N, C-alpha and C. Protein backbone atom coordinates (compact mmCIF):
# COMPACT_ATOMS: atom_id res chain seq x y z
N MET A 1 12.52 2.50 -6.13
CA MET A 1 13.02 1.60 -4.90
C MET A 1 12.21 2.18 -3.65
N ILE A 2 12.04 3.47 -3.67
CA ILE A 2 11.31 4.06 -2.51
C ILE A 2 9.91 3.59 -2.39
N ALA A 3 9.52 3.40 -3.74
CA ALA A 3 8.01 2.96 -3.84
C ALA A 3 7.71 1.56 -3.32
N ASN A 4 8.77 0.76 -3.63
CA ASN A 4 8.56 -0.53 -3.27
C ASN A 4 8.77 -0.77 -1.76
N ALA A 5 9.83 -0.05 -1.13
CA ALA A 5 9.89 0.02 0.38
C ALA A 5 8.59 0.31 0.91
N LEU A 6 7.97 1.32 0.38
CA LEU A 6 6.85 1.96 0.96
C LEU A 6 5.75 0.93 0.93
N ILE A 7 5.54 -0.01 -0.14
CA ILE A 7 4.67 -0.79 -0.34
C ILE A 7 4.79 -1.99 0.88
N VAL A 8 6.17 -2.39 0.82
CA VAL A 8 6.32 -3.61 1.73
C VAL A 8 6.00 -3.21 3.05
N THR A 9 6.41 -1.77 3.53
CA THR A 9 6.41 -1.45 4.84
C THR A 9 4.89 -1.29 5.35
N ILE A 10 4.04 -0.92 4.41
CA ILE A 10 2.64 -0.73 4.56
C ILE A 10 2.09 -2.07 4.73
N ALA A 11 2.42 -2.98 4.00
CA ALA A 11 2.00 -4.40 4.11
C ALA A 11 2.19 -4.95 5.45
N LEU A 12 3.57 -4.77 5.73
CA LEU A 12 4.01 -5.41 6.88
C LEU A 12 3.17 -4.75 8.32
N LEU A 13 2.87 -3.50 8.35
CA LEU A 13 2.19 -2.96 9.27
C LEU A 13 0.68 -3.33 9.30
N LEU A 14 0.17 -3.35 8.23
CA LEU A 14 -1.31 -3.71 8.18
C LEU A 14 -1.54 -5.33 8.63
N ALA A 15 -0.34 -6.10 8.30
CA ALA A 15 -0.49 -7.53 8.69
C ALA A 15 -0.16 -7.43 10.19
N THR A 16 0.59 -6.76 10.86
CA THR A 16 0.80 -6.64 12.17
C THR A 16 -0.36 -6.04 13.02
N GLY A 17 -0.95 -4.93 12.29
CA GLY A 17 -2.18 -4.36 12.89
C GLY A 17 -3.31 -5.28 12.92
N PHE A 18 -3.64 -6.02 11.84
CA PHE A 18 -4.66 -7.05 12.06
C PHE A 18 -4.29 -8.19 12.95
N TRP A 19 -3.24 -8.77 13.06
CA TRP A 19 -2.94 -9.71 14.05
C TRP A 19 -2.86 -9.13 15.39
N LEU A 20 -2.59 -7.75 15.67
CA LEU A 20 -2.85 -7.32 17.04
C LEU A 20 -4.26 -7.15 17.29
N MET A 21 -5.20 -6.70 16.30
CA MET A 21 -6.60 -6.46 16.61
C MET A 21 -7.15 -8.04 17.05
N GLY A 22 -6.66 -8.96 16.50
CA GLY A 22 -7.29 -10.45 16.85
C GLY A 22 -6.72 -10.73 18.34
N GLU A 23 -5.39 -10.33 18.68
CA GLU A 23 -5.04 -10.68 19.87
C GLU A 23 -5.23 -9.84 20.86
N LEU A 24 -5.84 -8.57 20.80
CA LEU A 24 -6.24 -7.59 21.92
C LEU A 24 -7.76 -7.34 22.01
N LYS A 25 -8.49 -8.39 21.58
CA LYS A 25 -10.00 -8.30 21.73
C LYS A 25 -10.47 -7.94 23.05
N PHE A 26 -9.71 -8.42 24.15
CA PHE A 26 -10.19 -7.96 25.58
C PHE A 26 -10.30 -6.75 25.72
N LEU A 27 -9.39 -5.77 25.03
CA LEU A 27 -9.32 -4.18 25.32
C LEU A 27 -10.49 -3.64 24.40
N ILE A 28 -11.48 -4.08 23.77
CA ILE A 28 -12.39 -3.52 23.16
C ILE A 28 -13.35 -2.70 23.94
N PRO A 29 -13.71 -3.22 25.24
CA PRO A 29 -14.59 -2.47 26.08
C PRO A 29 -13.97 -0.98 26.55
N TYR A 30 -12.74 -0.95 26.46
CA TYR A 30 -11.85 0.07 26.99
C TYR A 30 -11.19 0.94 25.97
N ARG A 31 -11.64 0.79 24.60
CA ARG A 31 -11.07 1.40 23.40
C ARG A 31 -11.24 3.04 23.51
N HIS A 32 -12.40 3.38 23.99
CA HIS A 32 -12.49 4.91 24.17
C HIS A 32 -11.69 5.59 25.07
N VAL A 33 -11.53 4.94 26.15
CA VAL A 33 -10.54 5.40 27.14
C VAL A 33 -9.18 5.35 26.80
N LEU A 34 -8.75 4.40 26.12
CA LEU A 34 -7.49 4.24 25.61
C LEU A 34 -6.98 5.29 24.46
N VAL A 35 -8.03 5.33 23.59
CA VAL A 35 -7.88 6.30 22.46
C VAL A 35 -7.78 7.67 23.03
N HIS A 36 -8.59 7.94 23.82
CA HIS A 36 -8.60 9.44 24.41
C HIS A 36 -7.42 9.62 25.24
N GLN A 37 -7.01 8.90 26.09
CA GLN A 37 -5.81 9.01 26.99
C GLN A 37 -4.53 8.93 26.28
N TYR A 38 -4.46 7.82 25.47
CA TYR A 38 -3.17 7.60 24.91
C TYR A 38 -3.03 7.49 23.21
N GLY A 39 -3.99 8.20 22.69
CA GLY A 39 -3.98 8.29 21.37
C GLY A 39 -2.74 9.04 20.70
N ALA A 40 -2.47 9.98 21.16
CA ALA A 40 -1.31 10.79 20.65
C ALA A 40 -0.04 10.05 20.92
N LEU A 41 -0.04 9.39 22.04
CA LEU A 41 1.30 8.43 22.16
C LEU A 41 1.32 7.42 21.37
N LEU A 42 0.11 6.51 21.17
CA LEU A 42 -0.03 5.64 20.16
C LEU A 42 0.41 5.76 18.71
N LEU A 43 0.00 7.11 18.41
CA LEU A 43 0.10 7.75 17.06
C LEU A 43 1.68 8.02 16.85
N LEU A 44 2.34 8.62 17.83
CA LEU A 44 3.83 8.97 17.92
C LEU A 44 4.66 7.42 17.76
N TRP A 45 4.04 6.45 18.48
CA TRP A 45 4.76 5.25 18.59
C TRP A 45 4.65 4.64 17.19
N PHE A 46 3.45 4.57 16.50
CA PHE A 46 3.34 4.10 15.08
C PHE A 46 4.11 4.90 14.17
N ALA A 47 4.15 6.21 14.37
CA ALA A 47 5.11 6.86 13.48
C ALA A 47 6.48 6.39 13.39
N VAL A 48 7.08 6.38 14.75
CA VAL A 48 8.44 5.85 14.91
C VAL A 48 8.78 4.46 14.37
N VAL A 49 7.70 3.49 14.61
CA VAL A 49 7.67 2.03 14.08
C VAL A 49 7.79 2.15 12.50
N PHE A 50 6.81 2.93 11.92
CA PHE A 50 6.73 3.07 10.43
C PHE A 50 7.98 3.49 9.97
N VAL A 51 8.55 4.77 10.37
CA VAL A 51 10.06 5.18 9.75
C VAL A 51 11.11 4.16 10.05
N ASN A 52 11.14 3.47 11.16
CA ASN A 52 12.24 2.49 11.39
C ASN A 52 11.94 1.23 10.44
N LEU A 53 10.87 0.75 10.36
CA LEU A 53 10.59 -0.28 9.34
C LEU A 53 10.86 0.15 7.92
N PHE A 54 10.48 1.24 7.54
CA PHE A 54 10.86 1.84 6.33
C PHE A 54 12.39 1.75 6.13
N ALA A 55 12.95 2.23 7.04
CA ALA A 55 14.61 2.41 6.71
C ALA A 55 15.03 0.95 6.59
N ALA A 56 14.47 0.14 7.38
CA ALA A 56 15.20 -1.29 7.28
C ALA A 56 14.86 -2.04 6.15
N VAL A 57 13.69 -1.73 5.54
CA VAL A 57 13.25 -2.43 4.38
C VAL A 57 14.09 -1.86 3.06
N TYR A 58 14.22 -0.48 3.23
CA TYR A 58 15.00 0.30 2.32
C TYR A 58 16.35 -0.27 2.19
N ALA A 59 16.94 -0.41 3.21
CA ALA A 59 18.49 -0.80 3.53
C ALA A 59 18.49 -2.20 2.99
N ILE A 60 17.63 -3.27 3.32
CA ILE A 60 17.68 -4.58 2.83
C ILE A 60 17.64 -4.60 1.33
N GLN A 61 16.59 -3.74 0.60
CA GLN A 61 16.47 -3.69 -0.59
C GLN A 61 17.79 -3.25 -1.35
N ARG A 62 18.44 -2.19 -0.70
CA ARG A 62 19.65 -1.67 -1.43
C ARG A 62 20.73 -2.69 -1.27
N LYS A 63 20.82 -3.37 -0.12
CA LYS A 63 21.89 -4.44 0.09
C LYS A 63 21.74 -5.45 -0.84
N PHE A 64 20.47 -6.01 -1.12
CA PHE A 64 20.40 -7.44 -1.85
C PHE A 64 20.00 -7.19 -3.23
N PHE A 65 19.17 -6.22 -3.62
CA PHE A 65 18.57 -5.88 -5.10
C PHE A 65 19.62 -5.04 -5.94
N LEU A 66 20.55 -4.30 -5.26
CA LEU A 66 21.51 -3.67 -5.98
C LEU A 66 22.91 -4.06 -5.82
N LYS A 67 23.08 -5.42 -5.78
CA LYS A 67 24.38 -5.91 -5.35
C LYS A 67 25.32 -5.75 -6.48
N ASP A 68 25.00 -5.98 -7.65
CA ASP A 68 25.93 -6.00 -8.87
C ASP A 68 25.61 -4.83 -9.68
N THR A 69 24.99 -3.96 -9.56
CA THR A 69 24.57 -2.78 -10.26
C THR A 69 25.83 -2.03 -10.86
N GLY A 70 26.77 -1.75 -9.93
CA GLY A 70 28.02 -1.03 -10.52
C GLY A 70 28.79 -2.01 -11.66
N ARG A 71 28.82 -3.17 -11.31
CA ARG A 71 29.61 -4.15 -12.48
C ARG A 71 28.57 -4.21 -13.78
N LYS A 72 27.42 -4.25 -13.52
CA LYS A 72 26.50 -4.30 -14.76
C LYS A 72 26.67 -3.04 -15.50
N LEU A 73 26.70 -1.87 -14.83
CA LEU A 73 26.70 -0.52 -15.45
C LEU A 73 28.02 -0.49 -16.10
N SER A 74 29.09 -0.84 -15.43
CA SER A 74 30.42 -0.69 -16.33
C SER A 74 30.45 -1.58 -17.49
N HIS A 75 29.88 -2.46 -17.41
CA HIS A 75 29.82 -3.59 -18.52
C HIS A 75 29.11 -2.79 -19.80
N VAL A 76 28.06 -2.24 -19.61
CA VAL A 76 27.20 -1.40 -20.53
C VAL A 76 28.08 -0.22 -21.10
N ASP A 77 28.70 0.22 -20.06
CA ASP A 77 29.56 1.56 -20.47
C ASP A 77 30.78 1.18 -21.48
N ASN A 78 31.38 0.03 -21.06
CA ASN A 78 32.47 -0.47 -21.91
C ASN A 78 31.93 -0.94 -23.30
N GLN A 79 30.82 -1.60 -23.42
CA GLN A 79 30.15 -1.78 -24.72
C GLN A 79 29.93 -0.53 -25.44
N ALA A 80 29.32 0.56 -24.76
CA ALA A 80 29.10 1.61 -25.62
C ALA A 80 30.50 2.16 -26.10
N LEU A 81 31.33 2.35 -25.35
CA LEU A 81 32.70 2.84 -25.81
C LEU A 81 33.35 2.09 -26.74
N ALA A 82 33.12 0.85 -26.76
CA ALA A 82 33.64 -0.10 -27.93
C ALA A 82 33.01 -0.06 -29.17
N GLY A 83 31.80 0.62 -29.16
CA GLY A 83 30.92 0.80 -30.31
C GLY A 83 30.18 -0.54 -30.73
N HIS A 84 29.99 -1.44 -29.48
CA HIS A 84 29.28 -2.57 -29.92
C HIS A 84 27.74 -2.41 -29.29
N PHE A 85 27.45 -1.29 -28.72
CA PHE A 85 26.00 -1.06 -28.30
C PHE A 85 25.58 0.06 -29.10
N PRO A 86 24.10 -0.26 -29.59
CA PRO A 86 23.62 1.01 -30.39
C PRO A 86 23.00 2.15 -29.57
N LEU A 87 23.84 3.15 -29.70
CA LEU A 87 23.54 4.40 -29.15
C LEU A 87 23.34 5.41 -30.22
N PRO A 88 22.34 6.39 -30.16
CA PRO A 88 22.22 7.26 -31.09
C PRO A 88 23.36 8.45 -31.08
N SER A 89 24.10 8.55 -32.25
CA SER A 89 24.97 9.63 -32.28
C SER A 89 24.62 10.90 -32.26
N SER A 90 25.52 12.03 -32.07
CA SER A 90 25.06 13.46 -31.75
C SER A 90 24.61 13.83 -33.12
N ASP A 91 25.09 13.40 -34.27
CA ASP A 91 24.71 13.83 -35.48
C ASP A 91 23.07 13.58 -36.00
N ASP A 92 22.72 12.38 -35.40
CA ASP A 92 21.26 11.84 -35.58
C ASP A 92 20.30 12.97 -34.82
N SER A 93 20.74 13.20 -33.54
CA SER A 93 19.84 14.12 -32.76
C SER A 93 19.72 15.51 -33.35
N GLU A 94 20.94 16.08 -33.95
CA GLU A 94 20.70 17.43 -34.44
C GLU A 94 19.93 17.29 -35.77
N GLU A 95 20.01 16.28 -36.49
CA GLU A 95 19.20 16.21 -37.81
C GLU A 95 17.74 16.22 -37.43
N ALA A 96 17.30 15.43 -36.28
CA ALA A 96 15.77 15.50 -35.98
C ALA A 96 15.26 16.80 -35.45
N ASP A 97 16.09 17.88 -35.09
CA ASP A 97 15.54 19.05 -34.68
C ASP A 97 15.13 19.88 -35.81
């Protein structure tokens, strides 16, 4: 789930970055000055945005994609306890050794 959130976060930041590069073309003559004077601040801002966006994507994934996981897992557990689910017995694992 963390990998999926990371991929979505990177994709969103890349899309935003490409959009900003298109919108801020008038700053091209000043890029050396901007990077030299404000590079550290821009990097810090980017890191904060990345962490916040990652946390938001992760929370949304947990909210919507893990909605019925507990109910599904309890159903599998009930099937295993009732004997309707093919699980290897402890005797089979000892014989394999």
